[in-house]
Amino acid sequence: GEPIGYIFAFANCALFVLYILLGHRIAASGGRGGVDRLAMAMVVASIVITPIGLKSASGALLDPKILLAGAGVGICSSVIPYICDQFAMARLSKATFALMLSLLPATACLV
């Protein structure tokens, strides 16, 4: 074991704990509040990250097929999973959601 590997593993663990705790706090607000806050967080994240990739992706911004593919990837890889997480967090306890989250890699291998 490389020490940097342990550092990254523990950082990943800490960030997952933070994700579960903050996600439950947002989901506990009831109604559509969690999904609305998730949408706002994604807008803020896109505003922050867009200037970083704008220069290298400037050619792709002119191709509608690439833009459509990028939107599809964004919806399928970020929007749908995180909305499902918000709905699950609103209905499950923190411990149950953490268990389900930890089983995701194993189920992904089977699928």
PDB file of N, CA and C in Angstrom:
ATOM      1  N   GLY A   1       0.711  -1.174   0.000  1.00  0.00           N
ATOM      2  CA  GLY A   1       0.000   0.000   0.000  1.00  0.00           C
ATOM      3  C   GLY A   1       0.778   1.285   0.000  1.00  0.00           C
ATOM      4  N   GLU A   2       0.479   2.051  -1.000  1.00  0.00           N
ATOM      5  CA  GLU A   2       1.016   3.399  -1.087  1.00  0.00           C
ATOM      6  C   GLU A   2       0.264   4.315  -0.123  1.00  0.00           C
ATOM      7  N   PRO A   3       0.970   5.174   0.580  1.00  0.00           N
ATOM      8  CA  PRO A   3       0.300   6.094   1.505  1.00  0.00           C
ATOM      9  C   PRO A   3      -0.717   7.004   0.812  1.00  0.00           C
ATOM     10  N   ILE A   4      -0.425   7.424  -0.413  1.00  0.00           N
ATOM     11  CA  ILE A   4      -1.364   8.304  -1.111  1.00  0.00           C
ATOM     12  C   ILE A   4      -2.675   7.574  -1.399  1.00  0.00           C
ATOM     13  N   GLY A   5      -2.604   6.266  -1.611  1.00  0.00           N
ATOM     14  CA  GLY A   5      -3.812   5.473  -1.825  1.00  0.00           C
ATOM     15  C   GLY A   5      -4.696   5.467  -0.595  1.00  0.00           C
ATOM     16  N   TYR A   6      -4.070   5.334   0.573  1.00  0.00           N
ATOM     17  CA  TYR A   6      -4.837   5.381   1.822  1.00  0.00           C
ATOM     18  C   TYR A   6      -5.474   6.753   2.029  1.00  0.00           C
ATOM     19  N   ILE A   7      -4.734   7.785   1.689  1.00  0.00           N
ATOM     20  CA  ILE A   7      -5.264   9.144   1.837  1.00  0.00           C
ATOM     21  C   ILE A   7      -6.495   9.329   0.957  1.00  0.00           C
ATOM     22  N   PHE A   8      -6.399   8.886  -0.295  1.00  0.00           N
ATOM     23  CA  PHE A   8      -7.549   9.002  -1.202  1.00  0.00           C
ATOM     24  C   PHE A   8      -8.720   8.144  -0.744  1.00  0.00           C
ATOM     25  N   ALA A   9      -8.447   6.956  -0.224  1.00  0.00           N
ATOM     26  CA  ALA A   9      -9.525   6.077   0.246  1.00  0.00           C
ATOM     27  C   ALA A   9     -10.258   6.701   1.430  1.00  0.00           C
ATOM     28  N   PHE A  10      -9.520   7.253   2.382  1.00  0.00           N
ATOM     29  CA  PHE A  10     -10.164   7.881   3.533  1.00  0.00           C
ATOM     30  C   PHE A  10     -10.885   9.173   3.137  1.00  0.00           C
ATOM     31  N   ALA A  11     -10.328   9.909   2.178  1.00  0.00           N
ATOM     32  CA  ALA A  11     -11.011  11.112   1.689  1.00  0.00           C
ATOM     33  C   ALA A  11     -12.323  10.730   1.006  1.00  0.00           C
ATOM     34  N   ASN A  12     -12.306   9.648   0.234  1.00  0.00           N
ATOM     35  CA  ASN A  12     -13.526   9.164  -0.411  1.00  0.00           C
ATOM     36  C   ASN A  12     -14.565   8.774   0.629  1.00  0.00           C
ATOM     37  N   CYS A  13     -14.132   8.105   1.668  1.00  0.00           N
ATOM     38  CA  CYS A  13     -15.036   7.704   2.747  1.00  0.00           C
ATOM     39  C   CYS A  13     -15.651   8.937   3.415  1.00  0.00           C
ATOM     40  N   ALA A  14     -14.827   9.915   3.716  1.00  0.00           N
ATOM     41  CA  ALA A  14     -15.322  11.130   4.372  1.00  0.00           C
ATOM     42  C   ALA A  14     -16.307  11.883   3.480  1.00  0.00           C
ATOM     43  N   LEU A  15     -16.033  11.932   2.190  1.00  0.00           N
ATOM     44  CA  LEU A  15     -16.939  12.634   1.281  1.00  0.00           C
ATOM     45  C   LEU A  15     -18.264  11.893   1.112  1.00  0.00           C
ATOM     46  N   PHE A  16     -18.242  10.556   1.142  1.00  0.00           N
ATOM     47  CA  PHE A  16     -19.500   9.805   1.083  1.00  0.00           C
ATOM     48  C   PHE A  16     -20.328  10.036   2.345  1.00  0.00           C
ATOM     49  N   VAL A  17     -19.669  10.090   3.498  1.00  0.00           N
ATOM     50  CA  VAL A  17     -20.387  10.384   4.745  1.00  0.00           C
ATOM     51  C   VAL A  17     -21.029  11.766   4.657  1.00  0.00           C
ATOM     52  N   LEU A  18     -20.278  12.728   4.174  1.00  0.00           N
ATOM     53  CA  LEU A  18     -20.799  14.086   4.015  1.00  0.00           C
ATOM     54  C   LEU A  18     -21.971  14.113   3.030  1.00  0.00           C
ATOM     55  N   TYR A  19     -21.860  13.356   1.939  1.00  0.00           N
ATOM     56  CA  TYR A  19     -22.940  13.283   0.950  1.00  0.00           C
ATOM     57  C   TYR A  19     -24.210  12.716   1.572  1.00  0.00           C
ATOM     58  N   ILE A  20     -24.079  11.673   2.364  1.00  0.00           N
ATOM     59  CA  ILE A  20     -25.249  11.049   2.991  1.00  0.00           C
ATOM     60  C   ILE A  20     -25.875  11.988   4.021  1.00  0.00           C
ATOM     61  N   LEU A  21     -25.054  12.601   4.863  1.00  0.00           N
ATOM     62  CA  LEU A  21     -25.589  13.487   5.900  1.00  0.00           C
ATOM     63  C   LEU A  21     -26.256  14.731   5.309  1.00  0.00           C
ATOM     64  N   LEU A  22     -25.574  15.386   4.377  1.00  0.00           N
ATOM     65  CA  LEU A  22     -26.155  16.589   3.781  1.00  0.00           C
ATOM     66  C   LEU A  22     -27.340  16.251   2.881  1.00  0.00           C
ATOM     67  N   GLY A  23     -27.253  15.132   2.171  1.00  0.00           N
ATOM     68  CA  GLY A  23     -28.367  14.719   1.319  1.00  0.00           C
ATOM     69  C   GLY A  23     -29.620  14.431   2.114  1.00  0.00           C
ATOM     70  N   HIS A  24     -29.464  13.792   3.269  1.00  0.00           N
ATOM     71  CA  HIS A  24     -30.631  13.529   4.115  1.00  0.00           C
ATOM     72  C   HIS A  24     -31.205  14.823   4.685  1.00  0.00           C
ATOM     73  N   ARG A  25     -30.341  15.753   5.012  1.00  0.00           N
ATOM     74  CA  ARG A  25     -30.827  17.034   5.534  1.00  0.00           C
ATOM     75  C   ARG A  25     -31.645  17.767   4.462  1.00  0.00           C
ATOM     76  N   ILE A  26     -31.166  17.725   3.227  1.00  0.00           N
ATOM     77  CA  ILE A  26     -31.896  18.377   2.136  1.00  0.00           C
ATOM     78  C   ILE A  26     -33.188  17.631   1.829  1.00  0.00           C
ATOM     79  N   ALA A  27     -33.122  16.301   1.796  1.00  0.00           N
ATOM     80  CA  ALA A  27     -34.309  15.499   1.473  1.00  0.00           C
ATOM     81  C   ALA A  27     -35.365  15.589   2.566  1.00  0.00           C
ATOM     82  N   ALA A  28     -34.942  15.836   3.803  1.00  0.00           N
ATOM     83  CA  ALA A  28     -35.884  15.896   4.923  1.00  0.00           C
ATOM     84  C   ALA A  28     -36.755  17.147   4.885  1.00  0.00           C
ATOM     85  N   SER A  29     -36.405  18.092   4.025  1.00  0.00           N
ATOM     86  CA  SER A  29     -37.212  19.309   3.944  1.00  0.00           C
ATOM     87  C   SER A  29     -38.606  19.029   3.399  1.00  0.00           C
ATOM     88  N   GLY A  30     -38.779  17.857   2.811  1.00  0.00           N
ATOM     89  CA  GLY A  30     -40.101  17.438   2.346  1.00  0.00           C
ATOM     90  C   GLY A  30     -40.467  18.024   1.001  1.00  0.00           C
ATOM     91  N   GLY A  31     -41.445  17.427   0.383  1.00  0.00           N
ATOM     92  CA  GLY A  31     -41.927  17.908  -0.906  1.00  0.00           C
ATOM     93  C   GLY A  31     -40.866  17.831  -1.976  1.00  0.00           C
ATOM     94  N   ARG A  32     -40.883  18.825  -2.845  1.00  0.00           N
ATOM     95  CA  ARG A  32     -39.916  18.869  -3.930  1.00  0.00           C
ATOM     96  C   ARG A  32     -38.694  19.699  -3.565  1.00  0.00           C
ATOM     97  N   GLY A  33     -38.570  20.094  -2.315  1.00  0.00           N
ATOM     98  CA  GLY A  33     -37.468  20.954  -1.906  1.00  0.00           C
ATOM     99  C   GLY A  33     -36.107  20.366  -2.198  1.00  0.00           C
ATOM    100  N   GLY A  34     -35.953  19.063  -1.978  1.00  0.00           N
ATOM    101  CA  GLY A  34     -34.671  18.418  -2.230  1.00  0.00           C
ATOM    102  C   GLY A  34     -34.305  18.429  -3.697  1.00  0.00           C
ATOM    103  N   VAL A  35     -35.272  18.168  -4.554  1.00  0.00           N
ATOM    104  CA  VAL A  35     -35.018  18.153  -5.993  1.00  0.00           C
ATOM    105  C   VAL A  35     -34.752  19.569  -6.498  1.00  0.00           C
ATOM    106  N   ASP A  36     -35.475  20.544  -5.976  1.00  0.00           N
ATOM    107  CA  ASP A  36     -35.242  21.934  -6.375  1.00  0.00           C
ATOM    108  C   ASP A  36     -33.848  22.392  -5.961  1.00  0.00           C
ATOM    109  N   ARG A  37     -33.427  22.031  -4.768  1.00  0.00           N
ATOM    110  CA  ARG A  37     -32.080  22.401  -4.307  1.00  0.00           C
ATOM    111  C   ARG A  37     -31.014  21.675  -5.112  1.00  0.00           C
ATOM    112  N   LEU A  38     -31.290  20.435  -5.492  1.00  0.00           N
ATOM    113  CA  LEU A  38     -30.363  19.686  -6.336  1.00  0.00           C
ATOM    114  C   LEU A  38     -30.213  20.368  -7.693  1.00  0.00           C
ATOM    115  N   ALA A  39     -31.310  20.824  -8.260  1.00  0.00           N
ATOM    116  CA  ALA A  39     -31.255  21.531  -9.546  1.00  0.00           C
ATOM    117  C   ALA A  39     -30.422  22.799  -9.426  1.00  0.00           C
ATOM    118  N   MET A  40     -30.603  23.541  -8.342  1.00  0.00           N
ATOM    119  CA  MET A  40     -29.823  24.762  -8.147  1.00  0.00           C
ATOM    120  C   MET A  40     -28.336  24.437  -7.981  1.00  0.00           C
ATOM    121  N   ALA A  41     -28.028  23.363  -7.267  1.00  0.00           N
ATOM    122  CA  ALA A  41     -26.627  22.966  -7.093  1.00  0.00           C
ATOM    123  C   ALA A  41     -25.996  22.590  -8.429  1.00  0.00           C
ATOM    124  N   MET A  42     -26.752  21.930  -9.297  1.00  0.00           N
ATOM    125  CA  MET A  42     -26.215  21.565 -10.614  1.00  0.00           C
ATOM    126  C   MET A  42     -25.997  22.793 -11.486  1.00  0.00           C
ATOM    127  N   VAL A  43     -26.870  23.788 -11.375  1.00  0.00           N
ATOM    128  CA  VAL A  43     -26.683  25.032 -12.126  1.00  0.00           C
ATOM    129  C   VAL A  43     -25.415  25.738 -11.646  1.00  0.00           C
ATOM    130  N   VAL A  44     -25.228  25.817 -10.335  1.00  0.00           N
ATOM    131  CA  VAL A  44     -24.028  26.456  -9.782  1.00  0.00           C
ATOM    132  C   VAL A  44     -22.776  25.697 -10.212  1.00  0.00           C
ATOM    133  N   ALA A  45     -22.818  24.364 -10.155  1.00  0.00           N
ATOM    134  CA  ALA A  45     -21.663  23.565 -10.560  1.00  0.00           C
ATOM    135  C   ALA A  45     -21.334  23.772 -12.036  1.00  0.00           C
ATOM    136  N   SER A  46     -22.351  23.872 -12.869  1.00  0.00           N
ATOM    137  CA  SER A  46     -22.084  24.082 -14.297  1.00  0.00           C
ATOM    138  C   SER A  46     -21.508  25.472 -14.555  1.00  0.00           C
ATOM    139  N   ILE A  47     -21.942  26.463 -13.787  1.00  0.00           N
ATOM    140  CA  ILE A  47     -21.389  27.811 -13.938  1.00  0.00           C
ATOM    141  C   ILE A  47     -19.923  27.835 -13.511  1.00  0.00           C
ATOM    142  N   VAL A  48     -19.593  27.087 -12.471  1.00  0.00           N
ATOM    143  CA  VAL A  48     -18.214  27.055 -11.981  1.00  0.00           C
ATOM    144  C   VAL A  48     -17.300  26.321 -12.955  1.00  0.00           C
ATOM    145  N   ILE A  49     -17.758  25.209 -13.527  1.00  0.00           N
ATOM    146  CA  ILE A  49     -16.889  24.359 -14.339  1.00  0.00           C
ATOM    147  C   ILE A  49     -16.828  24.787 -15.804  1.00  0.00           C
ATOM    148  N   THR A  50     -17.821  25.517 -16.291  1.00  0.00           N
ATOM    149  CA  THR A  50     -17.863  25.894 -17.706  1.00  0.00           C
ATOM    150  C   THR A  50     -16.642  26.692 -18.156  1.00  0.00           C
ATOM    151  N   PRO A  51     -16.191  27.703 -17.434  1.00  0.00           N
ATOM    152  CA  PRO A  51     -15.011  28.439 -17.908  1.00  0.00           C
ATOM    153  C   PRO A  51     -13.760  27.570 -18.026  1.00  0.00           C
ATOM    154  N   ILE A  52     -13.660  26.536 -17.226  1.00  0.00           N
ATOM    155  CA  ILE A  52     -12.477  25.674 -17.264  1.00  0.00           C
ATOM    156  C   ILE A  52     -12.427  24.876 -18.566  1.00  0.00           C
ATOM    157  N   GLY A  53     -13.567  24.350 -19.012  1.00  0.00           N
ATOM    158  CA  GLY A  53     -13.580  23.520 -20.209  1.00  0.00           C
ATOM    159  C   GLY A  53     -13.982  24.235 -21.478  1.00  0.00           C
ATOM    160  N   LEU A  54     -14.320  25.503 -21.380  1.00  0.00           N
ATOM    161  CA  LEU A  54     -14.833  26.227 -22.541  1.00  0.00           C
ATOM    162  C   LEU A  54     -13.814  26.330 -23.669  1.00  0.00           C
ATOM    163  N   LYS A  55     -12.566  26.609 -23.344  1.00  0.00           N
ATOM    164  CA  LYS A  55     -11.549  26.787 -24.376  1.00  0.00           C
ATOM    165  C   LYS A  55     -11.283  25.481 -25.121  1.00  0.00           C
ATOM    166  N   SER A  56     -11.146  24.392 -24.381  1.00  0.00           N
ATOM    167  CA  SER A  56     -10.827  23.125 -25.040  1.00  0.00           C
ATOM    168  C   SER A  56     -12.027  22.521 -25.760  1.00  0.00           C
ATOM    169  N   ALA A  57     -13.236  22.914 -25.402  1.00  0.00           N
ATOM    170  CA  ALA A  57     -14.438  22.352 -26.023  1.00  0.00           C
ATOM    171  C   ALA A  57     -15.086  23.316 -27.006  1.00  0.00           C
ATOM    172  N   SER A  58     -14.406  24.390 -27.359  1.00  0.00           N
ATOM    173  CA  SER A  58     -15.037  25.404 -28.205  1.00  0.00           C
ATOM    174  C   SER A  58     -15.448  24.850 -29.566  1.00  0.00           C
ATOM    175  N   GLY A  59     -14.685  23.935 -30.143  1.00  0.00           N
ATOM    176  CA  GLY A  59     -15.051  23.342 -31.425  1.00  0.00           C
ATOM    177  C   GLY A  59     -16.296  22.489 -31.333  1.00  0.00           C
ATOM    178  N   ALA A  60     -16.469  21.803 -30.228  1.00  0.00           N
ATOM    179  CA  ALA A  60     -17.627  20.924 -30.049  1.00  0.00           C
ATOM    180  C   ALA A  60     -18.909  21.714 -29.830  1.00  0.00           C
ATOM    181  N   LEU A  61     -18.791  22.951 -29.395  1.00  0.00           N
ATOM    182  CA  LEU A  61     -19.985  23.755 -29.134  1.00  0.00           C
ATOM    183  C   LEU A  61     -20.726  24.137 -30.410  1.00  0.00           C
ATOM    184  N   LEU A  62     -20.070  23.984 -31.548  1.00  0.00           N
ATOM    185  CA  LEU A  62     -20.698  24.324 -32.818  1.00  0.00           C
ATOM    186  C   LEU A  62     -21.380  23.130 -33.475  1.00  0.00           C
ATOM    187  N   ASP A  63     -21.170  21.944 -32.941  1.00  0.00           N
ATOM    188  CA  ASP A  63     -21.741  20.726 -33.517  1.00  0.00           C
ATOM    189  C   ASP A  63     -22.977  20.303 -32.721  1.00  0.00           C
ATOM    190  N   PRO A  64     -24.175  20.393 -33.311  1.00  0.00           N
ATOM    191  CA  PRO A  64     -25.390  20.058 -32.561  1.00  0.00           C
ATOM    192  C   PRO A  64     -25.444  18.603 -32.100  1.00  0.00           C
ATOM    193  N   LYS A  65     -24.855  17.688 -32.875  1.00  0.00           N
ATOM    194  CA  LYS A  65     -24.866  16.278 -32.470  1.00  0.00           C
ATOM    195  C   LYS A  65     -24.065  16.075 -31.189  1.00  0.00           C
ATOM    196  N   ILE A  66     -22.924  16.727 -31.107  1.00  0.00           N
ATOM    197  CA  ILE A  66     -22.090  16.600 -29.909  1.00  0.00           C
ATOM    198  C   ILE A  66     -22.770  17.265 -28.719  1.00  0.00           C
ATOM    199  N   LEU A  67     -23.397  18.408 -28.932  1.00  0.00           N
ATOM    200  CA  LEU A  67     -24.133  19.066 -27.847  1.00  0.00           C
ATOM    201  C   LEU A  67     -25.275  18.196 -27.344  1.00  0.00           C
ATOM    202  N   LEU A  68     -26.003  17.568 -28.260  1.00  0.00           N
ATOM    203  CA  LEU A  68     -27.101  16.689 -27.876  1.00  0.00           C
ATOM    204  C   LEU A  68     -26.583  15.463 -27.126  1.00  0.00           C
ATOM    205  N   ALA A  69     -25.471  14.900 -27.602  1.00  0.00           N
ATOM    206  CA  ALA A  69     -24.879  13.752 -26.910  1.00  0.00           C
ATOM    207  C   ALA A  69     -24.410  14.151 -25.514  1.00  0.00           C
ATOM    208  N   GLY A  70     -23.809  15.330 -25.395  1.00  0.00           N
ATOM    209  CA  GLY A  70     -23.370  15.809 -24.083  1.00  0.00           C
ATOM    210  C   GLY A  70     -24.526  16.029 -23.129  1.00  0.00           C
ATOM    211  N   ALA A  71     -25.622  16.568 -23.641  1.00  0.00           N
ATOM    212  CA  ALA A  71     -26.811  16.753 -22.801  1.00  0.00           C
ATOM    213  C   ALA A  71     -27.371  15.408 -22.364  1.00  0.00           C
ATOM    214  N   GLY A  72     -27.376  14.440 -23.268  1.00  0.00           N
ATOM    215  CA  GLY A  72     -27.858  13.100 -22.917  1.00  0.00           C
ATOM    216  C   GLY A  72     -27.004  12.442 -21.854  1.00  0.00           C
ATOM    217  N   VAL A  73     -25.692  12.571 -21.989  1.00  0.00           N
ATOM    218  CA  VAL A  73     -24.791  12.006 -20.981  1.00  0.00           C
ATOM    219  C   VAL A  73     -24.998  12.700 -19.643  1.00  0.00           C
ATOM    220  N   GLY A  74     -25.145  14.004 -19.658  1.00  0.00           N
ATOM    221  CA  GLY A  74     -25.366  14.746 -18.414  1.00  0.00           C
ATOM    222  C   GLY A  74     -26.649  14.343 -17.716  1.00  0.00           C
ATOM    223  N   ILE A  75     -27.702  14.166 -18.494  1.00  0.00           N
ATOM    224  CA  ILE A  75     -28.986  13.774 -17.900  1.00  0.00           C
ATOM    225  C   ILE A  75     -28.917  12.358 -17.346  1.00  0.00           C
ATOM    226  N   CYS A  76     -28.329  11.445 -18.128  1.00  0.00           N
ATOM    227  CA  CYS A  76     -28.297  10.037 -17.699  1.00  0.00           C
ATOM    228  C   CYS A  76     -27.277   9.766 -16.589  1.00  0.00           C
ATOM    229  N   SER A  77     -26.200  10.542 -16.534  1.00  0.00           N
ATOM    230  CA  SER A  77     -25.165  10.247 -15.541  1.00  0.00           C
ATOM    231  C   SER A  77     -25.246  11.109 -14.289  1.00  0.00           C
ATOM    232  N   SER A  78     -25.950  12.220 -14.341  1.00  0.00           N
ATOM    233  CA  SER A  78     -26.020  13.095 -13.171  1.00  0.00           C
ATOM    234  C   SER A  78     -27.444  13.362 -12.716  1.00  0.00           C
ATOM    235  N   VAL A  79     -28.278  13.832 -13.606  1.00  0.00           N
ATOM    236  CA  VAL A  79     -29.618  14.271 -13.208  1.00  0.00           C
ATOM    237  C   VAL A  79     -30.453  13.107 -12.682  1.00  0.00           C
ATOM    238  N   ILE A  80     -30.609  12.065 -13.477  1.00  0.00           N
ATOM    239  CA  ILE A  80     -31.467  10.945 -13.077  1.00  0.00           C
ATOM    240  C   ILE A  80     -30.954  10.248 -11.812  1.00  0.00           C
ATOM    241  N   PRO A  81     -29.660   9.886 -11.734  1.00  0.00           N
ATOM    242  CA  PRO A  81     -29.212   9.212 -10.503  1.00  0.00           C
ATOM    243  C   PRO A  81     -29.354  10.059  -9.243  1.00  0.00           C
ATOM    244  N   TYR A  82     -29.042  11.357  -9.329  1.00  0.00           N
ATOM    245  CA  TYR A  82     -29.118  12.182  -8.128  1.00  0.00           C
ATOM    246  C   TYR A  82     -30.559  12.470  -7.719  1.00  0.00           C
ATOM    247  N   ILE A  83     -31.469  12.562  -8.679  1.00  0.00           N
ATOM    248  CA  ILE A  83     -32.885  12.706  -8.316  1.00  0.00           C
ATOM    249  C   ILE A  83     -33.371  11.434  -7.631  1.00  0.00           C
ATOM    250  N   CYS A  84     -32.977  10.278  -8.166  1.00  0.00           N
ATOM    251  CA  CYS A  84     -33.348   9.007  -7.514  1.00  0.00           C
ATOM    252  C   CYS A  84     -32.771   8.933  -6.103  1.00  0.00           C
ATOM    253  N   ASP A  85     -31.535   9.406  -5.932  1.00  0.00           N
ATOM    254  CA  ASP A  85     -30.937   9.440  -4.591  1.00  0.00           C
ATOM    255  C   ASP A  85     -31.749  10.324  -3.653  1.00  0.00           C
ATOM    256  N   GLN A  86     -32.184  11.482  -4.125  1.00  0.00           N
ATOM    257  CA  GLN A  86     -32.976  12.377  -3.277  1.00  0.00           C
ATOM    258  C   GLN A  86     -34.287  11.732  -2.864  1.00  0.00           C
ATOM    259  N   PHE A  87     -34.952  11.067  -3.807  1.00  0.00           N
ATOM    260  CA  PHE A  87     -36.202  10.380  -3.465  1.00  0.00           C
ATOM    261  C   PHE A  87     -35.948   9.250  -2.477  1.00  0.00           C
ATOM    262  N   ALA A  88     -34.844   8.511  -2.662  1.00  0.00           N
ATOM    263  CA  ALA A  88     -34.522   7.414  -1.742  1.00  0.00           C
ATOM    264  C   ALA A  88     -34.166   7.953  -0.360  1.00  0.00           C
ATOM    265  N   MET A  89     -33.405   9.042  -0.310  1.00  0.00           N
ATOM    266  CA  MET A  89     -33.026   9.611   0.986  1.00  0.00           C
ATOM    267  C   MET A  89     -34.237  10.112   1.757  1.00  0.00           C
ATOM    268  N   ALA A  90     -35.249  10.571   1.046  1.00  0.00           N
ATOM    269  CA  ALA A  90     -36.452  11.059   1.722  1.00  0.00           C
ATOM    270  C   ALA A  90     -37.241   9.913   2.350  1.00  0.00           C
ATOM    271  N   ARG A  91     -37.065   8.700   1.837  1.00  0.00           N
ATOM    272  CA  ARG A  91     -37.869   7.573   2.309  1.00  0.00           C
ATOM    273  C   ARG A  91     -37.106   6.590   3.193  1.00  0.00           C
ATOM    274  N   LEU A  92     -35.784   6.549   3.076  1.00  0.00           N
ATOM    275  CA  LEU A  92     -34.982   5.572   3.816  1.00  0.00           C
ATOM    276  C   LEU A  92     -34.233   6.241   4.960  1.00  0.00           C
ATOM    277  N   SER A  93     -33.864   5.432   5.936  1.00  0.00           N
ATOM    278  CA  SER A  93     -33.015   5.953   7.016  1.00  0.00           C
ATOM    279  C   SER A  93     -31.593   6.134   6.483  1.00  0.00           C
ATOM    280  N   LYS A  94     -30.786   6.872   7.226  1.00  0.00           N
ATOM    281  CA  LYS A  94     -29.400   7.092   6.812  1.00  0.00           C
ATOM    282  C   LYS A  94     -28.644   5.776   6.708  1.00  0.00           C
ATOM    283  N   ALA A  95     -28.848   4.877   7.678  1.00  0.00           N
ATOM    284  CA  ALA A  95     -28.133   3.600   7.678  1.00  0.00           C
ATOM    285  C   ALA A  95     -28.534   2.737   6.484  1.00  0.00           C
ATOM    286  N   THR A  96     -29.818   2.693   6.187  1.00  0.00           N
ATOM    287  CA  THR A  96     -30.281   1.890   5.054  1.00  0.00           C
ATOM    288  C   THR A  96     -29.775   2.464   3.738  1.00  0.00           C
ATOM    289  N   PHE A  97     -29.820   3.791   3.601  1.00  0.00           N
ATOM    290  CA  PHE A  97     -29.326   4.404   2.373  1.00  0.00           C
ATOM    291  C   PHE A  97     -27.826   4.166   2.224  1.00  0.00           C
ATOM    292  N   ALA A  98     -27.074   4.259   3.315  1.00  0.00           N
ATOM    293  CA  ALA A  98     -25.632   4.012   3.258  1.00  0.00           C
ATOM    294  C   ALA A  98     -25.344   2.576   2.831  1.00  0.00           C
ATOM    295  N   LEU A  99     -26.118   1.625   3.339  1.00  0.00           N
ATOM    296  CA  LEU A  99     -25.945   0.229   2.938  1.00  0.00           C
ATOM    297  C   LEU A  99     -26.240   0.061   1.452  1.00  0.00           C
ATOM    298  N   MET A 100     -27.332   0.644   0.987  1.00  0.00           N
ATOM    299  CA  MET A 100     -27.677   0.544  -0.436  1.00  0.00           C
ATOM    300  C   MET A 100     -26.590   1.187  -1.303  1.00  0.00           C
ATOM    301  N   LEU A 101     -26.047   2.313  -0.856  1.00  0.00           N
ATOM    302  CA  LEU A 101     -25.003   2.996  -1.601  1.00  0.00           C
ATOM    303  C   LEU A 101     -23.729   2.157  -1.657  1.00  0.00           C
ATOM    304  N   SER A 102     -23.424   1.468  -0.562  1.00  0.00           N
ATOM    305  CA  SER A 102     -22.214   0.642  -0.545  1.00  0.00           C
ATOM    306  C   SER A 102     -22.356  -0.612  -1.400  1.00  0.00           C
ATOM    307  N   LEU A 103     -23.587  -1.030  -1.680  1.00  0.00           N
ATOM    308  CA  LEU A 103     -23.815  -2.205  -2.524  1.00  0.00           C
ATOM    309  C   LEU A 103     -23.818  -1.874  -4.015  1.00  0.00           C
ATOM    310  N   LEU A 104     -23.795  -0.607  -4.372  1.00  0.00           N
ATOM    311  CA  LEU A 104     -23.837  -0.223  -5.782  1.00  0.00           C
ATOM    312  C   LEU A 104     -22.702  -0.817  -6.619  1.00  0.00           C
ATOM    313  N   PRO A 105     -21.446  -0.796  -6.166  1.00  0.00           N
ATOM    314  CA  PRO A 105     -20.394  -1.387  -7.003  1.00  0.00           C
ATOM    315  C   PRO A 105     -20.600  -2.879  -7.257  1.00  0.00           C
ATOM    316  N   ALA A 106     -21.079  -3.597  -6.257  1.00  0.00           N
ATOM    317  CA  ALA A 106     -21.305  -5.034  -6.440  1.00  0.00           C
ATOM    318  C   ALA A 106     -22.436  -5.289  -7.430  1.00  0.00           C
ATOM    319  N   THR A 107     -23.505  -4.520  -7.326  1.00  0.00           N
ATOM    320  CA  THR A 107     -24.613  -4.714  -8.268  1.00  0.00           C
ATOM    321  C   THR A 107     -24.227  -4.269  -9.673  1.00  0.00           C
ATOM    322  N   ALA A 108     -23.371  -3.271  -9.783  1.00  0.00           N
ATOM    323  CA  ALA A 108     -22.911  -2.839 -11.106  1.00  0.00           C
ATOM    324  C   ALA A 108     -22.089  -3.930 -11.780  1.00  0.00           C
ATOM    325  N   CYS A 109     -21.324  -4.680 -10.997  1.00  0.00           N
ATOM    326  CA  CYS A 109     -20.549  -5.792 -11.567  1.00  0.00           C
ATOM    327  C   CYS A 109     -21.465  -6.894 -12.079  1.00  0.00           C
ATOM    328  N   LEU A 110     -22.563  -7.118 -11.400  1.00  0.00           N
ATOM    329  CA  LEU A 110     -23.490  -8.171 -11.810  1.00  0.00           C
ATOM    330  C   LEU A 110     -24.299  -7.776 -13.040  1.00  0.00           C
ATOM    331  N   VAL A 111     -24.577  -6.497 -13.164  1.00  0.00           N
ATOM    332  CA  VAL A 111     -25.386  -6.034 -14.296  1.00  0.00           C
ATOM    333  C   VAL A 111     -24.493  -5.913 -15.490  1.00  0.00           C
TER     334      VAL A 111
END
